[in-house]
Each structure stands twice: as C-alpha cells, then as structure tokens.
Amino acid sequence: MAKVAFLGLGVMGYPMAGHLASRGHDVTVYNRTAAKAGDWVRAHGGKDAPTPRAAADGCDFVMACVGNDEDLRAVCLGPEGAFAGMGDGAVFVDHTTVSAKVTRELAAVAAEAGIGYVDAPVSGGQAGAENGVLSVMCGGSGRDFAQAEPVMAAYGRIVKRLGEVGAGQTAKMCNQICIAGLVQGLSEALNLAERSGLDGEALVEVISGGAAGSWQMVNRHRTMLAGDYEHGFAVDWMRKDLKICLEAGDEVGAALPVTALVDQFYKDVQAMGGGRWDTSSLLARLKALG
C-alpha cells in the first residue's frame, strides 16, 4: 500500500480519495475549503493537511483533481505547493481537465525536481467516481505510469497510457468533443419527437439498441424529457473544456466546426441562467427557441 495525498475534494475528488482509503492506502487530503477535508477524514479516516505541501510531504503519490489551469498551478507551485513537499522519485498524478500547455509546463518543473508526472484526466462523471468505474486517460513516461497505475485502479474501470506527457489531456479533449456532438444530436432528436407527437420514452426504447445508441441516450434521456438539469456535469465546466479543445485544434490545425457550434449553443444556455445545469440542457435551449 502507498502513502498518497489527494488534492481537491469536489464532486469527483471526494469519492476518488475515498476509494484510495478503502483500498488500504495511507491517504492525506487537502481541500481549499478546509471543512470539506475534515468531513472527508471523519467519513474515511486518514488525515487532512492545511497546505498542498504539507499533504504531499513524504508521499509516494500525489493526486490532484481541481478546477482549471490556475487552480492546478496554485496547488503545485510555490513554497506551499505540492512540488515543494515531494521527494525525489515521487509521482504527481493530475486528474484535472486542463490544457496541454499547463501540463507540459508543470511536468517540466516536476522533472527538474526529480518528480514523476502523469496527466490523467477522467471520464465517467460523478456516478463513475462514486462507483469507482472511471475511464482514466494517461500521458507520461512508461515508468511513471507503471508506478501509478495500480493506485489509480482504485477508482478506474480502465486506466490506459496513450503516450508521453500531454497525451492524457489530448484524449480528454477528444472525449469532450464526442460528448458535445452526441448531446446536441440527442437534443435535436428528442425535440423533433416531441413536436411531432411521438412518445420520447418509446422512441428511445426503439433506437437506443441500434446504431444511434449512446451512453448519453441511455443515461440522460429521461431527465431531459422531464426537463431536469440539476445534476451531472455543469455547462460552465463544459465550456471551459471546449475552450481548451478549440485552442488545441487551432494549435495543430485540426478543424472543429461542430465543437465550435455547440460551444456557442452552451453560451446560449449560460445566458438562460443555466451555467450550473447539466450539459444535457441543450434541449432546454431548443425548446426556448419555440
């Protein structure tokens, strides 16, 4: 069993850290809101720490799942950052969805300190985190990945290395691009069905077992038909991710026309007051168009 620090106890990080503790790892947690770290310790045991550096001190692995590029820099760098507390040979594993740019930047700083680095964004949502069945997309050296993989297995249904540092974040971009297009297509189909007098539930029962079927269709159609968007992955976070995708597309010359269009549709949802709604709220936008 490893000595592990987990930085960031949001809807994903809280259960992920819990799975590490349930597997017998020695877990120390840090959260910007200290009360949540205290709640986690009362629920799962282990320890909490007042700073990322204190959490990382003496750990074999430091996992992070925070908000964005700047949040990640904040927990890694500076005199109280995690890197300052990590020893030579320790491995930092980033589960945040961030830009490949900040990934390469922080990996370079880590390498200078003798710290391994694996970018390992996840997919599967809050339910996947709670049930320990996330898909973990990894970039990093073969050595660093081999060390970290057994630890990530605590919450990963599949944990796969796709290349060197940055490959994990690129894979997550591809994941988000697929989701954006699927949800827009599903929203248009359900909207057409409703306006044409079809029963949406019956429609999905028929088409979900064929070529049109998807995770989004199976897991989101009922809440979409009910107009319930107070759950799941928020539109604000999806726009953050799609911005990363579009910037990466520009950088490598990859056209992303559907992604750009759906990003603007999510902007419309934000203007409707739906920034914290689930990403399936694209249907609400279509209904508002009349």
Protein backbone atom coordinates (compact mmCIF):
# COMPACT_ATOMS: atom_id res chain seq x y z
CA MET A 1 0.00 0.00 0.00
CA ALA A 2 1.18 3.50 -0.84
CA LYS A 3 1.32 6.77 1.01
CA VAL A 4 -0.90 9.07 -1.07
CA ALA A 5 -2.00 12.70 -0.96
CA PHE A 6 -5.20 13.80 -2.69
CA LEU A 7 -5.65 17.49 -3.50
CA GLY A 8 -9.16 18.69 -4.27
CA LEU A 9 -12.32 17.19 -2.82
CA GLY A 10 -15.02 18.25 -5.24
CA VAL A 11 -17.76 16.02 -6.62
CA MET A 12 -15.09 13.89 -8.31
CA GLY A 13 -12.15 14.09 -5.93
CA TYR A 14 -14.07 13.35 -2.74
CA PRO A 15 -15.19 9.83 -3.78
CA MET A 16 -11.94 9.12 -5.64
CA ALA A 17 -9.95 9.77 -2.47
CA GLY A 18 -12.43 7.60 -0.61
CA HIS A 19 -11.72 4.66 -2.91
CA LEU A 20 -7.99 5.04 -2.22
CA ALA A 21 -8.65 4.86 1.51
CA SER A 22 -10.94 1.84 1.13
CA ARG A 23 -8.13 0.01 -0.71
CA GLY A 24 -5.90 0.46 2.31
CA HIS A 25 -3.70 3.31 1.11
CA ASP A 26 -2.44 5.82 3.67
CA VAL A 27 -4.30 8.93 2.45
CA THR A 28 -3.82 12.58 3.38
CA VAL A 29 -6.23 15.07 1.83
CA TYR A 30 -6.11 18.78 1.14
CA ASN A 31 -9.00 20.99 0.07
CA ARG A 32 -9.17 24.74 -0.37
CA THR A 33 -12.26 24.71 1.87
CA ALA A 34 -10.80 23.02 4.93
CA ALA A 35 -14.18 21.99 6.36
CA LYS A 36 -14.72 19.58 3.50
CA ALA A 37 -11.35 17.93 4.19
CA GLY A 38 -12.44 17.49 7.80
CA ASP A 39 -15.69 15.90 6.66
CA TRP A 40 -13.76 13.50 4.43
CA VAL A 41 -11.48 12.41 7.29
CA ARG A 42 -14.47 11.76 9.53
CA ALA A 43 -16.03 9.63 6.79
CA HIS A 44 -12.95 7.75 5.56
CA GLY A 45 -10.18 8.05 8.12
CA GLY A 46 -6.72 9.21 7.09
CA LYS A 47 -5.55 12.77 7.70
CA ASP A 48 -6.08 16.26 6.36
CA ALA A 49 -3.42 18.91 5.84
CA PRO A 50 -3.50 22.72 5.80
CA THR A 51 -1.48 23.13 2.57
CA PRO A 52 -0.67 21.08 -0.52
CA ARG A 53 2.95 20.93 0.59
CA ALA A 54 2.02 19.50 3.98
CA ALA A 55 -0.27 16.95 2.35
CA ALA A 56 2.43 15.86 -0.10
CA ASP A 57 5.22 15.60 2.43
CA GLY A 58 6.74 12.11 2.30
CA CYS A 59 4.10 10.73 -0.09
CA ASP A 60 4.80 8.23 -2.84
CA PHE A 61 2.00 9.68 -4.98
CA VAL A 62 0.16 12.97 -5.05
CA MET A 63 -3.17 13.04 -6.89
CA ALA A 64 -4.91 16.28 -7.84
CA CYS A 65 -8.43 16.94 -9.08
CA VAL A 66 -9.06 20.68 -9.03
CA GLY A 67 -10.83 23.19 -11.26
CA ASN A 68 -8.68 24.63 -14.03
CA ASP A 69 -5.17 25.60 -15.12
CA GLU A 70 -4.70 28.28 -12.46
CA ASP A 71 -6.07 26.08 -9.68
CA LEU A 72 -3.60 23.38 -10.70
CA ARG A 73 -0.67 25.79 -10.72
CA ALA A 74 -1.74 27.01 -7.27
CA VAL A 75 -1.64 23.55 -5.70
CA CYS A 76 1.63 22.56 -7.41
CA LEU A 77 3.88 25.59 -7.30
CA GLY A 78 5.28 28.00 -4.72
CA PRO A 79 6.64 27.45 -1.23
CA GLU A 80 3.41 25.78 -0.05
CA GLY A 81 2.74 23.89 -3.27
CA ALA A 82 2.80 20.13 -3.56
CA PHE A 83 6.05 20.00 -5.51
CA ALA A 84 7.85 21.63 -2.56
CA GLY A 85 6.81 18.74 -0.34
CA MET A 86 7.51 15.86 -2.74
CA GLY A 87 10.73 13.89 -2.64
CA ASP A 88 12.86 12.57 -5.47
CA GLY A 89 11.11 9.67 -7.19
CA ALA A 90 7.58 10.56 -6.06
CA VAL A 91 4.93 10.78 -8.79
CA PHE A 92 2.39 13.55 -9.30
CA VAL A 93 -0.85 12.44 -10.98
CA ASP A 94 -3.16 15.14 -12.33
CA HIS A 95 -6.81 14.15 -12.77
CA THR A 96 -7.92 17.69 -13.60
CA THR A 97 -9.06 18.51 -17.12
CA VAL A 98 -6.61 21.27 -18.09
CA SER A 99 -4.74 22.48 -21.14
CA ALA A 100 -1.86 20.53 -22.61
CA LYS A 101 0.15 23.75 -22.22
CA VAL A 102 -0.05 23.81 -18.42
CA THR A 103 0.53 20.05 -18.34
CA ARG A 104 3.82 20.39 -20.21
CA GLU A 105 4.79 23.39 -18.08
CA LEU A 106 4.24 21.62 -14.76
CA ALA A 107 5.75 18.35 -15.97
CA ALA A 108 8.95 20.22 -16.83
CA VAL A 109 9.09 21.78 -13.36
CA ALA A 110 8.47 18.39 -11.78
CA ALA A 111 11.22 16.75 -13.85
CA GLU A 112 13.75 19.33 -12.65
CA ALA A 113 12.91 18.32 -9.07
CA GLY A 114 13.14 14.59 -9.80
CA ILE A 115 9.36 14.17 -9.57
CA GLY A 116 7.44 11.96 -11.99
CA TYR A 117 4.36 13.37 -13.71
CA VAL A 118 1.30 11.68 -15.20
CA ASP A 119 -1.56 13.67 -16.72
CA ALA A 120 -4.62 11.51 -16.14
CA PRO A 121 -7.96 13.23 -16.77
CA VAL A 122 -11.04 11.11 -16.15
CA SER A 123 -14.41 10.45 -17.73
CA GLY A 124 -17.49 8.90 -16.21
CA GLY A 125 -18.94 11.75 -14.21
CA GLN A 126 -19.88 11.88 -10.55
CA ALA A 127 -21.54 8.46 -10.73
CA GLY A 128 -18.38 6.94 -12.19
CA ALA A 129 -16.30 8.47 -9.42
CA GLU A 130 -18.66 7.28 -6.70
CA ASN A 131 -18.79 3.75 -8.11
CA GLY A 132 -15.06 3.55 -8.86
CA VAL A 133 -15.55 2.90 -12.59
CA LEU A 134 -13.92 5.91 -14.22
CA SER A 135 -12.08 5.87 -17.52
CA VAL A 136 -8.61 7.31 -16.89
CA MET A 137 -6.69 8.64 -19.90
CA CYS A 138 -2.99 8.94 -19.17
CA GLY A 139 0.11 10.61 -20.54
CA GLY A 140 3.60 10.26 -19.12
CA SER A 141 6.67 8.07 -19.21
CA GLY A 142 6.18 4.32 -19.14
CA ARG A 143 7.97 4.18 -15.81
CA ASP A 144 5.83 6.83 -14.10
CA PHE A 145 2.64 5.29 -15.45
CA ALA A 146 3.62 1.78 -14.35
CA GLN A 147 4.16 3.06 -10.82
CA ALA A 148 0.89 4.99 -10.65
CA GLU A 149 -1.43 2.58 -12.47
CA PRO A 150 -2.07 0.23 -9.52
CA VAL A 151 -3.01 3.20 -7.35
CA MET A 152 -5.36 4.70 -9.97
CA ALA A 153 -7.01 1.29 -10.29
CA ALA A 154 -8.82 2.09 -7.03
CA TYR A 155 -11.28 4.22 -8.99
CA GLY A 156 -10.58 3.35 -12.63
CA ARG A 157 -12.54 0.81 -14.67
CA ILE A 158 -9.95 1.34 -17.39
CA VAL A 159 -6.60 3.08 -16.86
CA LYS A 160 -4.65 3.42 -20.08
CA ARG A 161 -1.46 5.17 -21.16
CA LEU A 162 -1.80 6.86 -24.54
CA GLY A 163 1.64 8.43 -24.88
CA GLU A 164 4.00 10.90 -23.29
CA VAL A 165 3.02 13.83 -21.05
CA GLY A 166 0.07 15.68 -22.58
CA ALA A 167 -1.44 12.63 -24.27
CA GLY A 168 -3.98 12.20 -21.49
CA GLN A 169 -5.24 15.75 -21.84
CA THR A 170 -5.46 15.38 -25.62
CA ALA A 171 -7.54 12.22 -25.17
CA LYS A 172 -9.86 14.05 -22.78
CA MET A 173 -10.33 16.77 -25.40
CA CYS A 174 -11.43 14.09 -27.87
CA ASN A 175 -13.80 12.73 -25.22
CA GLN A 176 -15.44 16.12 -24.67
CA ILE A 177 -15.74 16.75 -28.42
CA CYS A 178 -17.63 13.46 -28.79
CA ILE A 179 -19.94 14.27 -25.88
CA ALA A 180 -20.77 17.75 -27.22
CA GLY A 181 -21.83 16.42 -30.61
CA LEU A 182 -23.78 13.50 -29.14
CA VAL A 183 -25.76 15.63 -26.71
CA GLN A 184 -26.69 18.15 -29.40
CA GLY A 185 -27.84 15.35 -31.70
CA LEU A 186 -29.84 13.71 -28.91
CA SER A 187 -31.43 17.06 -28.02
CA GLU A 188 -32.48 17.68 -31.60
CA ALA A 189 -33.96 14.17 -31.88
CA LEU A 190 -35.98 14.46 -28.66
CA ASN A 191 -37.16 17.93 -29.62
CA LEU A 192 -38.32 16.72 -33.05
CA ALA A 193 -40.05 13.73 -31.49
CA GLU A 194 -41.95 15.87 -29.01
CA ARG A 195 -43.03 18.42 -31.62
CA SER A 196 -44.15 15.61 -33.90
CA GLY A 197 -46.28 13.95 -31.25
CA LEU A 198 -44.04 10.94 -30.58
CA ASP A 199 -43.55 9.48 -27.13
CA GLY A 200 -39.91 10.24 -26.31
CA GLU A 201 -39.51 7.29 -23.95
CA ALA A 202 -40.88 4.87 -26.55
CA LEU A 203 -38.65 6.40 -29.21
CA VAL A 204 -35.50 5.89 -27.14
CA GLU A 205 -36.52 2.32 -26.35
CA VAL A 206 -36.61 1.60 -30.07
CA ILE A 207 -33.50 3.42 -31.26
CA SER A 208 -31.13 3.01 -28.29
CA GLY A 209 -30.43 -0.62 -29.16
CA GLY A 210 -29.35 0.25 -32.68
CA ALA A 211 -26.67 2.37 -34.30
CA ALA A 212 -27.97 5.56 -32.67
CA GLY A 213 -27.46 4.27 -29.14
CA SER A 214 -25.02 6.01 -26.77
CA TRP A 215 -24.26 6.45 -23.07
CA GLN A 216 -25.85 9.89 -23.23
CA MET A 217 -29.05 8.46 -24.70
CA VAL A 218 -29.35 5.67 -22.13
CA ASN A 219 -28.40 7.74 -19.09
CA ARG A 220 -29.79 11.19 -19.87
CA HIS A 221 -32.95 10.85 -21.97
CA ARG A 222 -35.35 10.50 -19.01
CA THR A 223 -34.09 13.59 -17.21
CA MET A 224 -34.02 15.51 -20.49
CA LEU A 225 -37.64 14.58 -21.23
CA ALA A 226 -38.55 15.67 -17.70
CA GLY A 227 -36.70 18.98 -18.06
CA ASP A 228 -34.48 18.08 -15.11
CA TYR A 229 -30.98 19.50 -15.50
CA GLU A 230 -29.99 19.94 -11.84
CA HIS A 231 -27.36 17.18 -11.86
CA GLY A 232 -24.28 15.93 -13.67
CA PHE A 233 -21.50 17.86 -15.39
CA ALA A 234 -22.17 21.60 -15.47
CA VAL A 235 -22.37 23.72 -18.62
CA ASP A 236 -19.81 26.17 -17.16
CA TRP A 237 -17.28 23.35 -16.87
CA MET A 238 -18.06 22.03 -20.34
CA ARG A 239 -17.43 25.47 -21.86
CA LYS A 240 -14.10 25.55 -20.05
CA ASP A 241 -13.24 22.19 -21.59
CA LEU A 242 -14.44 23.09 -25.08
CA LYS A 243 -12.32 26.26 -24.99
CA ILE A 244 -9.30 24.02 -24.38
CA CYS A 245 -10.38 21.80 -27.30
CA LEU A 246 -10.79 24.72 -29.70
CA GLU A 247 -7.43 26.23 -28.73
CA ALA A 248 -5.74 22.86 -29.25
CA GLY A 249 -7.43 22.47 -32.63
CA ASP A 250 -6.10 25.85 -33.72
CA GLU A 251 -2.62 24.92 -32.48
CA VAL A 252 -2.38 21.74 -34.58
CA GLY A 253 -4.56 22.82 -37.50
CA ALA A 254 -7.47 20.48 -36.77
CA ALA A 255 -10.87 21.81 -37.83
CA LEU A 256 -13.53 21.51 -35.11
CA PRO A 257 -16.64 23.11 -36.67
CA VAL A 258 -19.25 21.11 -34.73
CA THR A 259 -17.42 21.70 -31.46
CA ALA A 260 -17.32 25.45 -32.11
CA LEU A 261 -21.04 25.50 -32.90
CA VAL A 262 -22.08 23.52 -29.82
CA ASP A 263 -19.85 25.74 -27.67
CA GLN A 264 -21.94 28.70 -28.82
CA PHE A 265 -25.11 26.78 -28.01
CA TYR A 266 -23.79 26.26 -24.49
CA LYS A 267 -23.13 30.00 -24.34
CA ASP A 268 -26.83 30.47 -25.06
CA VAL A 269 -27.68 28.10 -22.19
CA GLN A 270 -25.50 30.19 -19.87
CA ALA A 271 -27.41 33.29 -20.97
CA MET A 272 -30.62 31.47 -19.96
CA GLY A 273 -29.21 31.12 -16.44
CA GLY A 274 -28.16 27.52 -16.98
CA GLY A 275 -24.47 27.71 -16.26
CA ARG A 276 -24.80 25.12 -13.49
CA TRP A 277 -27.24 22.92 -15.40
CA ASP A 278 -26.14 19.55 -16.70
CA THR A 279 -24.72 19.52 -20.23
CA SER A 280 -27.87 17.77 -21.47
CA SER A 281 -29.63 21.14 -21.09
CA LEU A 282 -29.00 21.78 -24.79
CA LEU A 283 -32.58 20.52 -25.12
CA ALA A 284 -33.80 23.42 -22.99
CA ARG A 285 -32.22 25.81 -25.49
CA LEU A 286 -34.06 24.19 -28.39
CA LYS A 287 -37.37 24.34 -26.54
CA ALA A 288 -36.80 28.03 -25.77
CA LEU A 289 -36.45 28.74 -29.48
CA GLY A 290 -40.17 28.00 -29.88
